[in-house]
Amino acid sequence: MDPNRNHEYLYGVNPVYSLIAINAGSRKIYQVLVSKNRIKDPRIRSILTEAEKKNIEIVEVDPVQFDKISSEDVNSQGICARVSPYNYNDLERYLNKGVSDKSKLVILDGITDVGNFGSIIRNCNAFGFEGIIIPDRRSVALNERVSKISAGALEEVKIFRVINIVRTLKELKNKGFWVYGTTLDMTPEVKYLDEVNFAFPLALVLGSEDRGIGRLVSANCDIMVSIRLAGRMQSLNVSVASGIILYKVQEQVERAK
C-alpha cells in the first residue's frame, strides 16, 4: 500500500459485510465497489442492502475494470470497499465505560507476523473477546492484508494501541482485571491450562514464539499459564495457542451461565 495514500481497499464478502455492519475501527467508508457479474449473488445483495440503508455510495464496475482494481494476490469475490485506515480505539474510555464483569481482552507482546496477528484477531472474534491491546512498537500495522487474513474480524474487534505494556497491565489490574500470561516454561508457579479457573474481567497476554512475553510483562501477570503438550514438538504457533486458550476461557463462561 502506498504510504502517501489516505485510503485503502478491503476485499471480500466477509470483510466488507463486517465493515458495514460493525466497523469497530470507525473507518470512513467512501464507496462500495461491486463487479457487475456478481450483483445477483445473495450475499452481495445483502451487503448492498445494508450499504444503501447507511447511504454509502455503491459503484457497479465492469468485471474487467474490477479486476484491475483488485490486486492479484487477493480473492476479492467481486466486492470491495474504499475506506480510510483503521482507527485505534481509546483504551481509557473503554476502561471507564465499557468494562463488565465478563470482559475479556488479549494483549500481544511482540507479535510482528501478519499471519499470526490476523488469525489471533479472528480467534478473538470467534470466542467473544472484546478487544486486543498492542504496543506502539514491535507490532503489526493494521492494513487491508490483516483485515483479509482475519476474514473481516478486524472490522468487529476493538484494537487498542499503547505505549507501555507494563504500565497498561497495572492500569488493567487497578480496574479489576485478572491478568494471565502464557509461557512454555514449567515452573512450580506455572499452571497448566486445564488446571486454571479463570477469573473475570480477564486479560490474556500472548508473546512471540521466539521470545515469549517479556520479563517485566511476565512479572506483572497474576497467573502464568502453559498448554499441556503430549507430542515431541513442545511448542505451538502463537495463533494456534491463542485459539486453544481462548476456547477454554469461553468454555468456562458458557458453563457458568
C-alpha atoms as a PDB file:
ATOM      1  CA  MET A   1       0.000   0.000   0.000  1.00  0.00           C
ATOM      2  CA  ASP A   2       1.243   3.467  -0.879  1.00  0.00           C
ATOM      3  CA  PRO A   3       2.088   5.170   2.468  1.00  0.00           C
ATOM      4  CA  ASN A   4       1.068   8.505   0.998  1.00  0.00           C
ATOM      5  CA  ARG A   5      -2.413   7.275   0.165  1.00  0.00           C
ATOM      6  CA  ASN A   6      -5.110   8.203   2.682  1.00  0.00           C
ATOM      7  CA  HIS A   7      -7.337   5.285   1.833  1.00  0.00           C
ATOM      8  CA  GLU A   8      -7.137   1.531   1.393  1.00  0.00           C
ATOM      9  CA  TYR A   9      -9.277  -1.233  -0.065  1.00  0.00           C
ATOM     10  CA  LEU A  10     -10.943  -4.043   1.839  1.00  0.00           C
ATOM     11  CA  TYR A  11     -11.769  -7.042  -0.332  1.00  0.00           C
ATOM     12  CA  GLY A  12     -14.171  -9.933   0.035  1.00  0.00           C
ATOM     13  CA  VAL A  13     -17.667 -10.684   1.279  1.00  0.00           C
ATOM     14  CA  ASN A  14     -16.864 -11.156   4.978  1.00  0.00           C
ATOM     15  CA  PRO A  15     -14.592  -8.110   5.413  1.00  0.00           C
ATOM     16  CA  VAL A  16     -16.975  -5.760   3.615  1.00  0.00           C
ATOM     17  CA  TYR A  17     -20.019  -7.093   5.453  1.00  0.00           C
ATOM     18  CA  SER A  18     -18.281  -6.759   8.838  1.00  0.00           C
ATOM     19  CA  LEU A  19     -17.125  -3.276   7.896  1.00  0.00           C
ATOM     20  CA  ILE A  20     -20.641  -2.073   7.132  1.00  0.00           C
ATOM     21  CA  ALA A  21     -22.346  -3.908   9.989  1.00  0.00           C
ATOM     22  CA  ILE A  22     -19.847  -3.276  12.833  1.00  0.00           C
ATOM     23  CA  ASN A  23     -16.959  -1.012  11.755  1.00  0.00           C
ATOM     24  CA  ALA A  24     -15.021  -1.385  15.022  1.00  0.00           C
ATOM     25  CA  GLY A  25     -12.231   0.771  13.598  1.00  0.00           C
ATOM     26  CA  SER A  26     -14.575   3.685  12.862  1.00  0.00           C
ATOM     27  CA  ARG A  27     -13.414   3.825   9.259  1.00  0.00           C
ATOM     28  CA  LYS A  28     -14.900   6.323   6.839  1.00  0.00           C
ATOM     29  CA  ILE A  29     -16.479   4.288   4.038  1.00  0.00           C
ATOM     30  CA  TYR A  30     -16.084   6.178   0.776  1.00  0.00           C
ATOM     31  CA  GLN A  31     -17.518   3.632  -1.641  1.00  0.00           C
ATOM     32  CA  VAL A  32     -18.538   0.022  -2.043  1.00  0.00           C
ATOM     33  CA  LEU A  33     -17.473  -1.277  -5.449  1.00  0.00           C
ATOM     34  CA  VAL A  34     -19.059  -4.397  -6.905  1.00  0.00           C
ATOM     35  CA  SER A  35     -18.365  -6.294 -10.100  1.00  0.00           C
ATOM     36  CA  LYS A  36     -21.454  -6.274 -12.328  1.00  0.00           C
ATOM     37  CA  ASN A  37     -21.258 -10.037 -12.819  1.00  0.00           C
ATOM     38  CA  ARG A  38     -21.691 -10.585  -9.044  1.00  0.00           C
ATOM     39  CA  ILE A  39     -24.679  -8.310  -8.442  1.00  0.00           C
ATOM     40  CA  LYS A  40     -27.134 -11.216  -8.140  1.00  0.00           C
ATOM     41  CA  ASP A  41     -25.092 -13.128  -5.561  1.00  0.00           C
ATOM     42  CA  PRO A  42     -27.369 -13.293  -2.448  1.00  0.00           C
ATOM     43  CA  ARG A  43     -24.501 -12.498  -0.057  1.00  0.00           C
ATOM     44  CA  ILE A  44     -23.505  -9.451  -2.074  1.00  0.00           C
ATOM     45  CA  ARG A  45     -27.132  -8.352  -2.348  1.00  0.00           C
ATOM     46  CA  SER A  46     -27.381  -8.354   1.448  1.00  0.00           C
ATOM     47  CA  ILE A  47     -24.237  -6.207   1.696  1.00  0.00           C
ATOM     48  CA  LEU A  48     -25.570  -3.726  -0.839  1.00  0.00           C
ATOM     49  CA  THR A  49     -28.871  -3.534   1.028  1.00  0.00           C
ATOM     50  CA  GLU A  50     -27.054  -2.627   4.262  1.00  0.00           C
ATOM     51  CA  ALA A  51     -24.901  -0.111   2.397  1.00  0.00           C
ATOM     52  CA  GLU A  52     -27.989   1.560   0.948  1.00  0.00           C
ATOM     53  CA  LYS A  53     -29.534   1.859   4.427  1.00  0.00           C
ATOM     54  CA  LYS A  54     -26.438   3.750   5.562  1.00  0.00           C
ATOM     55  CA  ASN A  55     -26.305   5.941   2.447  1.00  0.00           C
ATOM     56  CA  ILE A  56     -22.958   4.502   1.347  1.00  0.00           C
ATOM     57  CA  GLU A  57     -22.173   5.075  -2.305  1.00  0.00           C
ATOM     58  CA  ILE A  58     -22.344   1.885  -4.385  1.00  0.00           C
ATOM     59  CA  VAL A  59     -20.453   1.705  -7.676  1.00  0.00           C
ATOM     60  CA  GLU A  60     -21.135  -1.075 -10.170  1.00  0.00           C
ATOM     61  CA  VAL A  61     -17.964  -1.836 -12.102  1.00  0.00           C
ATOM     62  CA  ASP A  62     -17.349  -3.728 -15.323  1.00  0.00           C
ATOM     63  CA  PRO A  63     -15.690  -7.088 -14.453  1.00  0.00           C
ATOM     64  CA  VAL A  64     -12.545  -6.285 -16.449  1.00  0.00           C
ATOM     65  CA  GLN A  65     -12.173  -2.934 -14.697  1.00  0.00           C
ATOM     66  CA  PHE A  66     -12.892  -4.508 -11.328  1.00  0.00           C
ATOM     67  CA  ASP A  67     -10.063  -6.986 -11.844  1.00  0.00           C
ATOM     68  CA  LYS A  68      -7.723  -4.033 -12.360  1.00  0.00           C
ATOM     69  CA  ILE A  69      -8.796  -2.553  -9.016  1.00  0.00           C
ATOM     70  CA  SER A  70      -8.175  -5.750  -7.069  1.00  0.00           C
ATOM     71  CA  SER A  71      -4.633  -6.980  -6.579  1.00  0.00           C
ATOM     72  CA  GLU A  72      -3.512 -10.335  -7.968  1.00  0.00           C
ATOM     73  CA  ASP A  73      -2.925 -11.963  -4.570  1.00  0.00           C
ATOM     74  CA  VAL A  74      -6.427 -11.186  -3.257  1.00  0.00           C
ATOM     75  CA  ASN A  75      -9.629 -13.148  -3.818  1.00  0.00           C
ATOM     76  CA  SER A  76     -11.975 -10.178  -3.958  1.00  0.00           C
ATOM     77  CA  GLN A  77     -15.139 -12.262  -4.506  1.00  0.00           C
ATOM     78  CA  GLY A  78     -16.361  -9.420  -6.693  1.00  0.00           C
ATOM     79  CA  ILE A  79     -16.728  -6.805  -3.991  1.00  0.00           C
ATOM     80  CA  CYS A  80     -14.518  -4.302  -2.194  1.00  0.00           C
ATOM     81  CA  ALA A  81     -14.789  -1.104  -0.185  1.00  0.00           C
ATOM     82  CA  ARG A  82     -12.645   2.014  -0.397  1.00  0.00           C
ATOM     83  CA  VAL A  83     -12.125   3.156   3.178  1.00  0.00           C
ATOM     84  CA  SER A  84      -9.990   5.281   5.477  1.00  0.00           C
ATOM     85  CA  PRO A  85      -7.366   3.498   7.627  1.00  0.00           C
ATOM     86  CA  TYR A  86      -8.425   1.688  10.804  1.00  0.00           C
ATOM     87  CA  ASN A  87      -8.720   3.985  13.837  1.00  0.00           C
ATOM     88  CA  TYR A  88      -7.387   2.582  17.101  1.00  0.00           C
ATOM     89  CA  ASN A  89      -9.866   2.567  19.969  1.00  0.00           C
ATOM     90  CA  ASP A  90      -9.373   4.591  23.144  1.00  0.00           C
ATOM     91  CA  LEU A  91      -8.384   2.241  25.989  1.00  0.00           C
ATOM     92  CA  GLU A  92      -9.017   4.794  28.732  1.00  0.00           C
ATOM     93  CA  ARG A  93     -12.544   5.392  27.504  1.00  0.00           C
ATOM     94  CA  TYR A  94     -13.164   1.651  27.297  1.00  0.00           C
ATOM     95  CA  LEU A  95     -11.894   1.072  30.843  1.00  0.00           C
ATOM     96  CA  ASN A  96     -14.075   3.872  32.179  1.00  0.00           C
ATOM     97  CA  LYS A  97     -17.262   2.986  30.326  1.00  0.00           C
ATOM     98  CA  GLY A  98     -17.084  -0.369  28.577  1.00  0.00           C
ATOM     99  CA  VAL A  99     -15.922  -2.941  31.138  1.00  0.00           C
ATOM    100  CA  SER A 100     -18.275  -5.583  32.532  1.00  0.00           C
ATOM    101  CA  ASP A 101     -17.720  -8.448  34.952  1.00  0.00           C
ATOM    102  CA  LYS A 102     -17.275 -10.743  31.926  1.00  0.00           C
ATOM    103  CA  SER A 103     -14.945  -8.534  29.842  1.00  0.00           C
ATOM    104  CA  LYS A 104     -12.153 -10.358  28.028  1.00  0.00           C
ATOM    105  CA  LEU A 105      -9.115  -8.767  26.379  1.00  0.00           C
ATOM    106  CA  VAL A 106      -5.987 -10.094  24.674  1.00  0.00           C
ATOM    107  CA  ILE A 107      -2.615  -8.347  24.943  1.00  0.00           C
ATOM    108  CA  LEU A 108       0.038  -9.026  22.303  1.00  0.00           C
ATOM    109  CA  ASP A 109       3.644  -8.576  23.380  1.00  0.00           C
ATOM    110  CA  GLY A 110       5.919  -8.517  20.330  1.00  0.00           C
ATOM    111  CA  ILE A 111       3.697 -10.233  17.740  1.00  0.00           C
ATOM    112  CA  THR A 112       5.071  -8.997  14.414  1.00  0.00           C
ATOM    113  CA  ASP A 113       3.891 -11.657  11.953  1.00  0.00           C
ATOM    114  CA  VAL A 114       0.896 -10.506   9.887  1.00  0.00           C
ATOM    115  CA  GLY A 115      -0.495 -14.038   9.514  1.00  0.00           C
ATOM    116  CA  ASN A 116      -0.407 -14.719  13.244  1.00  0.00           C
ATOM    117  CA  PHE A 117      -1.918 -11.337  14.038  1.00  0.00           C
ATOM    118  CA  GLY A 118      -4.782 -11.808  11.592  1.00  0.00           C
ATOM    119  CA  SER A 119      -5.509 -15.294  12.919  1.00  0.00           C
ATOM    120  CA  ILE A 120      -5.472 -14.087  16.542  1.00  0.00           C
ATOM    121  CA  ILE A 121      -7.965 -11.340  15.677  1.00  0.00           C
ATOM    122  CA  ARG A 122     -10.190 -13.991  14.109  1.00  0.00           C
ATOM    123  CA  ASN A 123      -9.910 -16.178  17.218  1.00  0.00           C
ATOM    124  CA  CYS A 124     -10.808 -13.238  19.457  1.00  0.00           C
ATOM    125  CA  ASN A 125     -13.921 -12.582  17.428  1.00  0.00           C
ATOM    126  CA  ALA A 126     -14.885 -16.274  17.403  1.00  0.00           C
ATOM    127  CA  PHE A 127     -14.633 -16.655  21.177  1.00  0.00           C
ATOM    128  CA  GLY A 128     -16.146 -13.386  22.293  1.00  0.00           C
ATOM    129  CA  PHE A 129     -13.075 -11.367  23.268  1.00  0.00           C
ATOM    130  CA  GLU A 130     -13.872  -7.675  23.034  1.00  0.00           C
ATOM    131  CA  GLY A 131     -10.515  -6.244  22.104  1.00  0.00           C
ATOM    132  CA  ILE A 132      -6.791  -6.577  21.586  1.00  0.00           C
ATOM    133  CA  ILE A 133      -4.101  -4.378  23.098  1.00  0.00           C
ATOM    134  CA  ILE A 134      -0.887  -3.971  21.103  1.00  0.00           C
ATOM    135  CA  PRO A 135       2.248  -1.922  21.781  1.00  0.00           C
ATOM    136  CA  ASP A 136       3.155   1.131  19.764  1.00  0.00           C
ATOM    137  CA  ARG A 137       6.440  -0.566  18.807  1.00  0.00           C
ATOM    138  CA  ARG A 138       7.203  -4.122  17.698  1.00  0.00           C
ATOM    139  CA  SER A 139       3.735  -4.834  16.396  1.00  0.00           C
ATOM    140  CA  VAL A 140       1.991  -5.325  13.075  1.00  0.00           C
ATOM    141  CA  ALA A 141       0.405  -2.366  11.294  1.00  0.00           C
ATOM    142  CA  LEU A 142      -3.327  -2.608  10.688  1.00  0.00           C
ATOM    143  CA  ASN A 143      -3.958  -2.731   6.953  1.00  0.00           C
ATOM    144  CA  GLU A 144      -6.070  -4.448   4.312  1.00  0.00           C
ATOM    145  CA  ARG A 145      -3.965  -7.618   4.487  1.00  0.00           C
ATOM    146  CA  VAL A 146      -4.640  -8.023   8.209  1.00  0.00           C
ATOM    147  CA  SER A 147      -8.345  -7.489   7.603  1.00  0.00           C
ATOM    148  CA  LYS A 148      -8.350 -10.144   4.860  1.00  0.00           C
ATOM    149  CA  ILE A 149      -6.408 -12.709   6.914  1.00  0.00           C
ATOM    150  CA  SER A 150      -8.776 -12.154   9.827  1.00  0.00           C
ATOM    151  CA  ALA A 151     -11.700 -12.854   7.457  1.00  0.00           C
ATOM    152  CA  GLY A 152     -13.137  -9.449   8.349  1.00  0.00           C
ATOM    153  CA  ALA A 153     -12.837  -9.889  12.119  1.00  0.00           C
ATOM    154  CA  LEU A 154     -10.602  -6.786  12.291  1.00  0.00           C
ATOM    155  CA  GLU A 155     -13.728  -4.778  11.493  1.00  0.00           C
ATOM    156  CA  GLU A 156     -15.524  -6.339  14.504  1.00  0.00           C
ATOM    157  CA  VAL A 157     -12.829  -6.322  17.218  1.00  0.00           C
ATOM    158  CA  LYS A 158     -11.571  -3.250  19.066  1.00  0.00           C
ATOM    159  CA  ILE A 159      -7.825  -2.713  18.741  1.00  0.00           C
ATOM    160  CA  PHE A 160      -6.083  -0.551  21.346  1.00  0.00           C
ATOM    161  CA  ARG A 161      -2.530   0.714  20.914  1.00  0.00           C
ATOM    162  CA  VAL A 162      -0.487   1.649  23.980  1.00  0.00           C
ATOM    163  CA  ILE A 163       2.999   2.996  24.582  1.00  0.00           C
ATOM    164  CA  ASN A 164       3.929   0.743  27.502  1.00  0.00           C
ATOM    165  CA  ILE A 165       2.536  -2.767  28.076  1.00  0.00           C
ATOM    166  CA  VAL A 166       3.699  -2.984  31.714  1.00  0.00           C
ATOM    167  CA  ARG A 167       2.044   0.305  32.597  1.00  0.00           C
ATOM    168  CA  THR A 168      -1.118  -0.879  30.849  1.00  0.00           C
ATOM    169  CA  LEU A 169      -1.145  -4.122  32.865  1.00  0.00           C
ATOM    170  CA  LYS A 170      -1.010  -2.121  36.074  1.00  0.00           C
ATOM    171  CA  GLU A 171      -3.860   0.059  34.865  1.00  0.00           C
ATOM    172  CA  LEU A 172      -5.929  -3.003  33.983  1.00  0.00           C
ATOM    173  CA  LYS A 173      -5.334  -4.527  37.409  1.00  0.00           C
ATOM    174  CA  ASN A 174      -6.404  -1.268  39.054  1.00  0.00           C
ATOM    175  CA  LYS A 175      -9.663  -1.609  37.122  1.00  0.00           C
ATOM    176  CA  GLY A 176     -10.211  -5.118  38.491  1.00  0.00           C
ATOM    177  CA  PHE A 177      -8.789  -7.226  35.665  1.00  0.00           C
ATOM    178  CA  TRP A 178      -7.058 -10.536  36.310  1.00  0.00           C
ATOM    179  CA  VAL A 179      -4.004 -10.787  34.087  1.00  0.00           C
ATOM    180  CA  TYR A 180      -2.937 -14.187  32.726  1.00  0.00           C
ATOM    181  CA  GLY A 181       0.380 -14.663  30.948  1.00  0.00           C
ATOM    182  CA  THR A 182       1.440 -17.538  28.706  1.00  0.00           C
ATOM    183  CA  THR A 183       4.699 -19.449  28.815  1.00  0.00           C
ATOM    184  CA  LEU A 184       6.390 -22.631  27.628  1.00  0.00           C
ATOM    185  CA  ASP A 185       8.471 -22.946  30.794  1.00  0.00           C
ATOM    186  CA  MET A 186       7.017 -25.140  33.512  1.00  0.00           C
ATOM    187  CA  THR A 187       7.963 -23.979  37.000  1.00  0.00           C
ATOM    188  CA  PRO A 188       6.118 -24.553  40.289  1.00  0.00           C
ATOM    189  CA  GLU A 189       4.335 -21.208  39.846  1.00  0.00           C
ATOM    190  CA  VAL A 190       3.012 -22.017  36.347  1.00  0.00           C
ATOM    191  CA  LYS A 191      -0.370 -23.721  35.928  1.00  0.00           C
ATOM    192  CA  TYR A 192      -1.422 -25.963  33.084  1.00  0.00           C
ATOM    193  CA  LEU A 193      -4.371 -24.595  31.144  1.00  0.00           C
ATOM    194  CA  ASP A 194      -6.698 -27.379  32.260  1.00  0.00           C
ATOM    195  CA  GLU A 195      -5.961 -26.503  35.903  1.00  0.00           C
ATOM    196  CA  VAL A 196      -6.882 -22.815  35.646  1.00  0.00           C
ATOM    197  CA  ASN A 197     -10.179 -21.441  36.898  1.00  0.00           C
ATOM    198  CA  PHE A 198     -10.268 -18.096  35.120  1.00  0.00           C
ATOM    199  CA  ALA A 199     -11.488 -15.002  36.951  1.00  0.00           C
ATOM    200  CA  PHE A 200     -13.089 -12.001  35.244  1.00  0.00           C
ATOM    201  CA  PRO A 201     -12.710  -9.390  33.911  1.00  0.00           C
ATOM    202  CA  LEU A 202      -9.731 -11.016  32.228  1.00  0.00           C
ATOM    203  CA  ALA A 203      -6.712 -10.021  30.155  1.00  0.00           C
ATOM    204  CA  LEU A 204      -4.599 -12.691  28.457  1.00  0.00           C
ATOM    205  CA  VAL A 205      -1.023 -11.867  27.403  1.00  0.00           C
ATOM    206  CA  LEU A 206       0.442 -13.672  24.386  1.00  0.00           C
ATOM    207  CA  GLY A 207       4.086 -13.362  23.362  1.00  0.00           C
ATOM    208  CA  SER A 208       6.073 -14.101  20.239  1.00  0.00           C
ATOM    209  CA  GLU A 209       7.106 -17.681  19.524  1.00  0.00           C
ATOM    210  CA  ASP A 210      10.810 -16.977  19.701  1.00  0.00           C
ATOM    211  CA  ARG A 211      10.932 -14.752  22.792  1.00  0.00           C
ATOM    212  CA  GLY A 212       7.662 -15.289  24.605  1.00  0.00           C
ATOM    213  CA  ILE A 213       6.428 -12.416  26.744  1.00  0.00           C
ATOM    214  CA  GLY A 214       8.944 -10.010  28.252  1.00  0.00           C
ATOM    215  CA  ARG A 215      10.362 -10.450  31.753  1.00  0.00           C
ATOM    216  CA  LEU A 216       8.726  -7.316  33.181  1.00  0.00           C
ATOM    217  CA  VAL A 217       5.447  -8.192  31.487  1.00  0.00           C
ATOM    218  CA  SER A 218       5.580 -11.678  32.993  1.00  0.00           C
ATOM    219  CA  ALA A 219       6.329 -10.226  36.437  1.00  0.00           C
ATOM    220  CA  ASN A 220       3.131  -8.190  36.263  1.00  0.00           C
ATOM    221  CA  CYS A 221       0.871 -11.139  35.406  1.00  0.00           C
ATOM    222  CA  ASP A 222      -1.261 -12.634  38.178  1.00  0.00           C
ATOM    223  CA  ILE A 223      -1.036 -16.198  36.871  1.00  0.00           C
ATOM    224  CA  MET A 224       1.187 -17.822  34.249  1.00  0.00           C
ATOM    225  CA  VAL A 225      -0.415 -20.498  32.067  1.00  0.00           C
ATOM    226  CA  SER A 226       1.029 -23.260  29.881  1.00  0.00           C
ATOM    227  CA  ILE A 227      -0.669 -25.677  27.475  1.00  0.00           C
ATOM    228  CA  ARG A 228      -0.083 -29.338  28.283  1.00  0.00           C
ATOM    229  CA  LEU A 229       1.535 -30.983  25.232  1.00  0.00           C
ATOM    230  CA  ALA A 230       1.909 -34.718  24.646  1.00  0.00           C
ATOM    231  CA  GLY A 231       3.906 -34.908  21.428  1.00  0.00           C
ATOM    232  CA  ARG A 232       7.564 -34.478  20.595  1.00  0.00           C
ATOM    233  CA  MET A 233       7.022 -30.871  19.500  1.00  0.00           C
ATOM    234  CA  GLN A 234       6.996 -28.790  22.663  1.00  0.00           C
ATOM    235  CA  SER A 235       5.786 -25.510  21.204  1.00  0.00           C
ATOM    236  CA  LEU A 236       2.779 -24.240  19.279  1.00  0.00           C
ATOM    237  CA  ASN A 237       2.302 -21.484  16.759  1.00  0.00           C
ATOM    238  CA  VAL A 238       1.078 -18.481  18.760  1.00  0.00           C
ATOM    239  CA  SER A 239      -2.162 -18.184  16.785  1.00  0.00           C
ATOM    240  CA  VAL A 240      -2.902 -21.885  17.375  1.00  0.00           C
ATOM    241  CA  ALA A 241      -2.121 -21.489  21.087  1.00  0.00           C
ATOM    242  CA  SER A 242      -4.396 -18.462  21.262  1.00  0.00           C
ATOM    243  CA  GLY A 243      -7.269 -20.446  19.784  1.00  0.00           C
ATOM    244  CA  ILE A 244      -6.868 -23.213  22.378  1.00  0.00           C
ATOM    245  CA  ILE A 245      -6.700 -20.829  25.337  1.00  0.00           C
ATOM    246  CA  LEU A 246      -9.468 -18.526  24.169  1.00  0.00           C
ATOM    247  CA  TYR A 247     -11.724 -21.529  23.635  1.00  0.00           C
ATOM    248  CA  LYS A 248     -11.067 -22.753  27.185  1.00  0.00           C
ATOM    249  CA  VAL A 249     -11.835 -19.305  28.587  1.00  0.00           C
ATOM    250  CA  GLN A 250     -15.112 -19.066  26.685  1.00  0.00           C
ATOM    251  CA  GLU A 251     -15.969 -22.644  27.692  1.00  0.00           C
ATOM    252  CA  GLN A 252     -15.792 -21.553  31.348  1.00  0.00           C
ATOM    253  CA  VAL A 253     -18.021 -18.569  30.595  1.00  0.00           C
ATOM    254  CA  GLU A 254     -20.617 -20.835  28.972  1.00  0.00           C
ATOM    255  CA  ARG A 255     -20.519 -23.310  31.863  1.00  0.00           C
ATOM    256  CA  ALA A 256     -21.134 -20.504  34.360  1.00  0.00           C
ATOM    257  CA  LYS A 257     -24.371 -19.394  32.663  1.00  0.00           C
END
